[in-house]
Amino acid sequence: MSEETQASADAPQEQAPAPSLSVNDLSAVAQIIDLAVQRGAFKGAEASQVGQVFDKVAAFVQSVQEAQKDSAAAEEAPASE
């Protein structure tokens, strides 16, 4: 038994992968917020805060998606010449 304990202590510990968040994840968050508002999940007093967060997330997602499209178009342009 002591050999097993020592062997596991000597083995390198696996690190958990770093948390990540993609544009698709943020887009899903915006959709979830929209759906929750439609279903009346928030009180009227909370609607303003929820709306502000929704607007920020939606604007960020749109900005990143446009930047990705522009980047892809720029990469394709020299190849077509």
N, C-alpha and C. Protein backbone atom coordinates (compact mmCIF):
# COMPACT_ATOMS: atom_id res chain seq x y z
N MET A 1 0.81 -1.19 0.00
CA MET A 1 0.00 0.00 0.00
C MET A 1 0.85 1.25 0.00
N SER A 2 1.92 1.26 0.74
CA SER A 2 2.75 2.46 0.80
C SER A 2 3.36 2.75 -0.57
N GLU A 3 3.58 1.69 -1.38
CA GLU A 3 4.12 1.91 -2.72
C GLU A 3 3.11 2.66 -3.59
N GLU A 4 1.83 2.30 -3.46
CA GLU A 4 0.80 2.98 -4.25
C GLU A 4 0.69 4.44 -3.86
N THR A 5 0.76 4.71 -2.57
CA THR A 5 0.65 6.09 -2.09
C THR A 5 1.83 6.90 -2.59
N GLN A 6 3.02 6.32 -2.52
CA GLN A 6 4.21 7.03 -2.96
C GLN A 6 4.18 7.24 -4.47
N ALA A 7 3.74 6.25 -5.21
CA ALA A 7 3.69 6.37 -6.66
C ALA A 7 2.72 7.47 -7.08
N SER A 8 1.57 7.55 -6.41
CA SER A 8 0.61 8.59 -6.78
C SER A 8 1.10 9.97 -6.35
N ALA A 9 1.89 10.04 -5.30
CA ALA A 9 2.43 11.32 -4.86
C ALA A 9 3.50 11.80 -5.83
N ASP A 10 4.26 10.87 -6.43
CA ASP A 10 5.31 11.23 -7.37
C ASP A 10 4.76 11.58 -8.75
N ALA A 11 3.58 11.07 -9.09
CA ALA A 11 2.99 11.33 -10.41
C ALA A 11 2.61 12.80 -10.52
N PRO A 12 2.87 13.39 -11.69
CA PRO A 12 2.49 14.80 -11.85
C PRO A 12 0.98 14.96 -11.80
N GLN A 13 0.55 15.98 -11.12
CA GLN A 13 -0.89 16.23 -11.02
C GLN A 13 -1.37 16.87 -12.30
N GLU A 14 -2.49 16.35 -12.80
CA GLU A 14 -3.07 16.93 -14.01
C GLU A 14 -3.78 18.22 -13.63
N GLN A 15 -3.50 19.25 -14.41
CA GLN A 15 -4.16 20.52 -14.16
C GLN A 15 -5.48 20.56 -14.91
N ALA A 16 -6.45 21.10 -14.27
CA ALA A 16 -7.75 21.25 -14.92
C ALA A 16 -7.60 22.26 -16.06
N PRO A 17 -8.29 22.04 -17.16
CA PRO A 17 -8.17 22.99 -18.26
C PRO A 17 -8.69 24.36 -17.83
N ALA A 18 -8.07 25.39 -18.36
CA ALA A 18 -8.49 26.75 -18.03
C ALA A 18 -9.91 26.99 -18.53
N PRO A 19 -10.69 27.72 -17.78
CA PRO A 19 -12.05 28.02 -18.23
C PRO A 19 -12.00 28.82 -19.53
N SER A 20 -12.91 28.52 -20.42
CA SER A 20 -12.95 29.26 -21.68
C SER A 20 -14.38 29.66 -21.99
N LEU A 21 -14.50 30.69 -22.78
CA LEU A 21 -15.79 31.21 -23.16
C LEU A 21 -15.69 31.64 -24.62
N SER A 22 -16.57 31.11 -25.43
CA SER A 22 -16.52 31.43 -26.85
C SER A 22 -17.63 32.41 -27.22
N VAL A 23 -17.55 32.92 -28.43
CA VAL A 23 -18.59 33.82 -28.92
C VAL A 23 -19.92 33.08 -28.98
N ASN A 24 -19.88 31.81 -29.32
CA ASN A 24 -21.12 31.01 -29.35
C ASN A 24 -21.73 30.91 -27.96
N ASP A 25 -20.89 30.79 -26.93
CA ASP A 25 -21.40 30.75 -25.56
C ASP A 25 -22.09 32.06 -25.21
N LEU A 26 -21.48 33.17 -25.58
CA LEU A 26 -22.07 34.47 -25.29
C LEU A 26 -23.35 34.69 -26.08
N SER A 27 -23.38 34.19 -27.29
CA SER A 27 -24.61 34.28 -28.09
C SER A 27 -25.73 33.49 -27.42
N ALA A 28 -25.39 32.34 -26.89
CA ALA A 28 -26.38 31.52 -26.17
C ALA A 28 -26.86 32.25 -24.92
N VAL A 29 -25.98 32.95 -24.23
CA VAL A 29 -26.36 33.72 -23.05
C VAL A 29 -27.38 34.79 -23.43
N ALA A 30 -27.12 35.49 -24.53
CA ALA A 30 -28.06 36.52 -24.99
C ALA A 30 -29.42 35.91 -25.31
N GLN A 31 -29.42 34.75 -25.94
CA GLN A 31 -30.68 34.07 -26.26
C GLN A 31 -31.42 33.63 -25.00
N ILE A 32 -30.67 33.17 -24.02
CA ILE A 32 -31.27 32.75 -22.75
C ILE A 32 -31.89 33.95 -22.04
N ILE A 33 -31.18 35.07 -22.02
CA ILE A 33 -31.72 36.27 -21.39
C ILE A 33 -33.00 36.70 -22.09
N ASP A 34 -32.97 36.71 -23.42
CA ASP A 34 -34.13 37.10 -24.20
C ASP A 34 -35.33 36.20 -23.89
N LEU A 35 -35.10 34.92 -23.86
CA LEU A 35 -36.16 33.97 -23.57
C LEU A 35 -36.71 34.14 -22.16
N ALA A 36 -35.82 34.37 -21.20
CA ALA A 36 -36.25 34.55 -19.81
C ALA A 36 -37.11 35.81 -19.68
N VAL A 37 -36.74 36.87 -20.39
CA VAL A 37 -37.54 38.10 -20.35
C VAL A 37 -38.91 37.85 -20.96
N GLN A 38 -38.95 37.16 -22.08
CA GLN A 38 -40.22 36.86 -22.74
C GLN A 38 -41.15 36.05 -21.84
N ARG A 39 -40.57 35.19 -21.04
CA ARG A 39 -41.37 34.34 -20.15
C ARG A 39 -41.66 34.98 -18.81
N GLY A 40 -41.23 36.21 -18.62
CA GLY A 40 -41.53 36.93 -17.38
C GLY A 40 -40.74 36.46 -16.18
N ALA A 41 -39.51 36.03 -16.40
CA ALA A 41 -38.69 35.51 -15.31
C ALA A 41 -38.13 36.61 -14.40
N PHE A 42 -38.21 37.86 -14.85
CA PHE A 42 -37.65 38.96 -14.07
C PHE A 42 -38.76 39.92 -13.65
N LYS A 43 -38.57 40.54 -12.50
CA LYS A 43 -39.50 41.55 -12.02
C LYS A 43 -39.29 42.82 -12.84
N GLY A 44 -40.29 43.67 -12.84
CA GLY A 44 -40.21 44.91 -13.60
C GLY A 44 -39.02 45.76 -13.21
N ALA A 45 -38.71 45.81 -11.93
CA ALA A 45 -37.59 46.61 -11.45
C ALA A 45 -36.24 46.07 -11.93
N GLU A 46 -36.20 44.80 -12.23
CA GLU A 46 -34.96 44.17 -12.70
C GLU A 46 -34.80 44.27 -14.20
N ALA A 47 -35.86 44.60 -14.90
CA ALA A 47 -35.85 44.59 -16.36
C ALA A 47 -34.79 45.52 -16.94
N SER A 48 -34.60 46.66 -16.34
CA SER A 48 -33.62 47.62 -16.84
C SER A 48 -32.21 47.04 -16.78
N GLN A 49 -31.84 46.46 -15.65
CA GLN A 49 -30.51 45.87 -15.50
C GLN A 49 -30.32 44.71 -16.45
N VAL A 50 -31.32 43.88 -16.55
CA VAL A 50 -31.25 42.72 -17.44
C VAL A 50 -31.11 43.20 -18.88
N GLY A 51 -31.86 44.21 -19.25
CA GLY A 51 -31.78 44.77 -20.59
C GLY A 51 -30.41 45.34 -20.91
N GLN A 52 -29.81 46.00 -19.93
CA GLN A 52 -28.47 46.56 -20.14
C GLN A 52 -27.44 45.46 -20.36
N VAL A 53 -27.52 44.41 -19.58
CA VAL A 53 -26.59 43.29 -19.75
C VAL A 53 -26.82 42.62 -21.10
N PHE A 54 -28.08 42.43 -21.45
CA PHE A 54 -28.40 41.84 -22.76
C PHE A 54 -27.81 42.68 -23.88
N ASP A 55 -28.00 44.00 -23.82
CA ASP A 55 -27.48 44.89 -24.86
C ASP A 55 -25.96 44.79 -24.97
N LYS A 56 -25.27 44.74 -23.83
CA LYS A 56 -23.81 44.64 -23.84
C LYS A 56 -23.35 43.32 -24.46
N VAL A 57 -23.97 42.22 -24.04
CA VAL A 57 -23.58 40.91 -24.57
C VAL A 57 -23.87 40.83 -26.06
N ALA A 58 -25.06 41.28 -26.47
CA ALA A 58 -25.43 41.22 -27.88
C ALA A 58 -24.51 42.09 -28.73
N ALA A 59 -24.16 43.29 -28.25
CA ALA A 59 -23.26 44.18 -28.99
C ALA A 59 -21.87 43.57 -29.10
N PHE A 60 -21.40 42.95 -28.03
CA PHE A 60 -20.08 42.32 -28.07
C PHE A 60 -20.06 41.16 -29.07
N VAL A 61 -21.09 40.33 -29.02
CA VAL A 61 -21.17 39.19 -29.94
C VAL A 61 -21.20 39.69 -31.38
N GLN A 62 -22.00 40.71 -31.66
CA GLN A 62 -22.09 41.24 -33.01
C GLN A 62 -20.75 41.82 -33.46
N SER A 63 -20.08 42.52 -32.57
CA SER A 63 -18.78 43.11 -32.90
C SER A 63 -17.75 42.04 -33.24
N VAL A 64 -17.70 41.00 -32.44
CA VAL A 64 -16.74 39.92 -32.68
C VAL A 64 -17.07 39.19 -33.97
N GLN A 65 -18.34 38.93 -34.21
CA GLN A 65 -18.73 38.24 -35.44
C GLN A 65 -18.38 39.07 -36.67
N GLU A 66 -18.59 40.38 -36.61
CA GLU A 66 -18.23 41.25 -37.74
C GLU A 66 -16.72 41.27 -37.94
N ALA A 67 -15.96 41.31 -36.85
CA ALA A 67 -14.50 41.28 -36.95
C ALA A 67 -14.03 39.97 -37.56
N GLN A 68 -14.67 38.87 -37.20
CA GLN A 68 -14.30 37.57 -37.77
C GLN A 68 -14.61 37.53 -39.26
N LYS A 69 -15.74 38.11 -39.67
CA LYS A 69 -16.09 38.14 -41.09
C LYS A 69 -15.10 39.00 -41.86
N ASP A 70 -14.74 40.16 -41.29
CA ASP A 70 -13.77 41.03 -41.94
C ASP A 70 -12.41 40.35 -42.07
N SER A 71 -12.03 39.65 -41.02
CA SER A 71 -10.75 38.93 -41.03
C SER A 71 -10.76 37.83 -42.09
N ALA A 72 -11.86 37.10 -42.17
CA ALA A 72 -11.96 36.03 -43.16
C ALA A 72 -11.95 36.60 -44.57
N ALA A 73 -12.64 37.73 -44.76
CA ALA A 73 -12.67 38.38 -46.09
C ALA A 73 -11.28 38.88 -46.47
N ALA A 74 -10.53 39.41 -45.50
CA ALA A 74 -9.19 39.91 -45.78
C ALA A 74 -8.25 38.77 -46.14
N GLU A 75 -8.44 37.61 -45.52
CA GLU A 75 -7.58 36.47 -45.83
C GLU A 75 -7.89 35.90 -47.18
N GLU A 76 -9.16 35.96 -47.60
CA GLU A 76 -9.56 35.41 -48.90
C GLU A 76 -9.20 36.35 -50.04
N ALA A 77 -9.18 37.64 -49.82
CA ALA A 77 -8.93 38.62 -50.88
C ALA A 77 -7.60 38.42 -51.59
N PRO A 78 -6.48 38.30 -50.90
CA PRO A 78 -5.21 38.10 -51.60
C PRO A 78 -5.15 36.76 -52.36
N ALA A 79 -5.84 35.78 -51.87
CA ALA A 79 -5.82 34.46 -52.52
C ALA A 79 -6.55 34.49 -53.85
N SER A 80 -7.54 35.37 -54.00
CA SER A 80 -8.33 35.42 -55.23
C SER A 80 -7.67 36.23 -56.32
N GLU A 81 -6.64 37.00 -56.00
CA GLU A 81 -5.99 37.83 -57.01
C GLU A 81 -5.14 37.04 -57.94
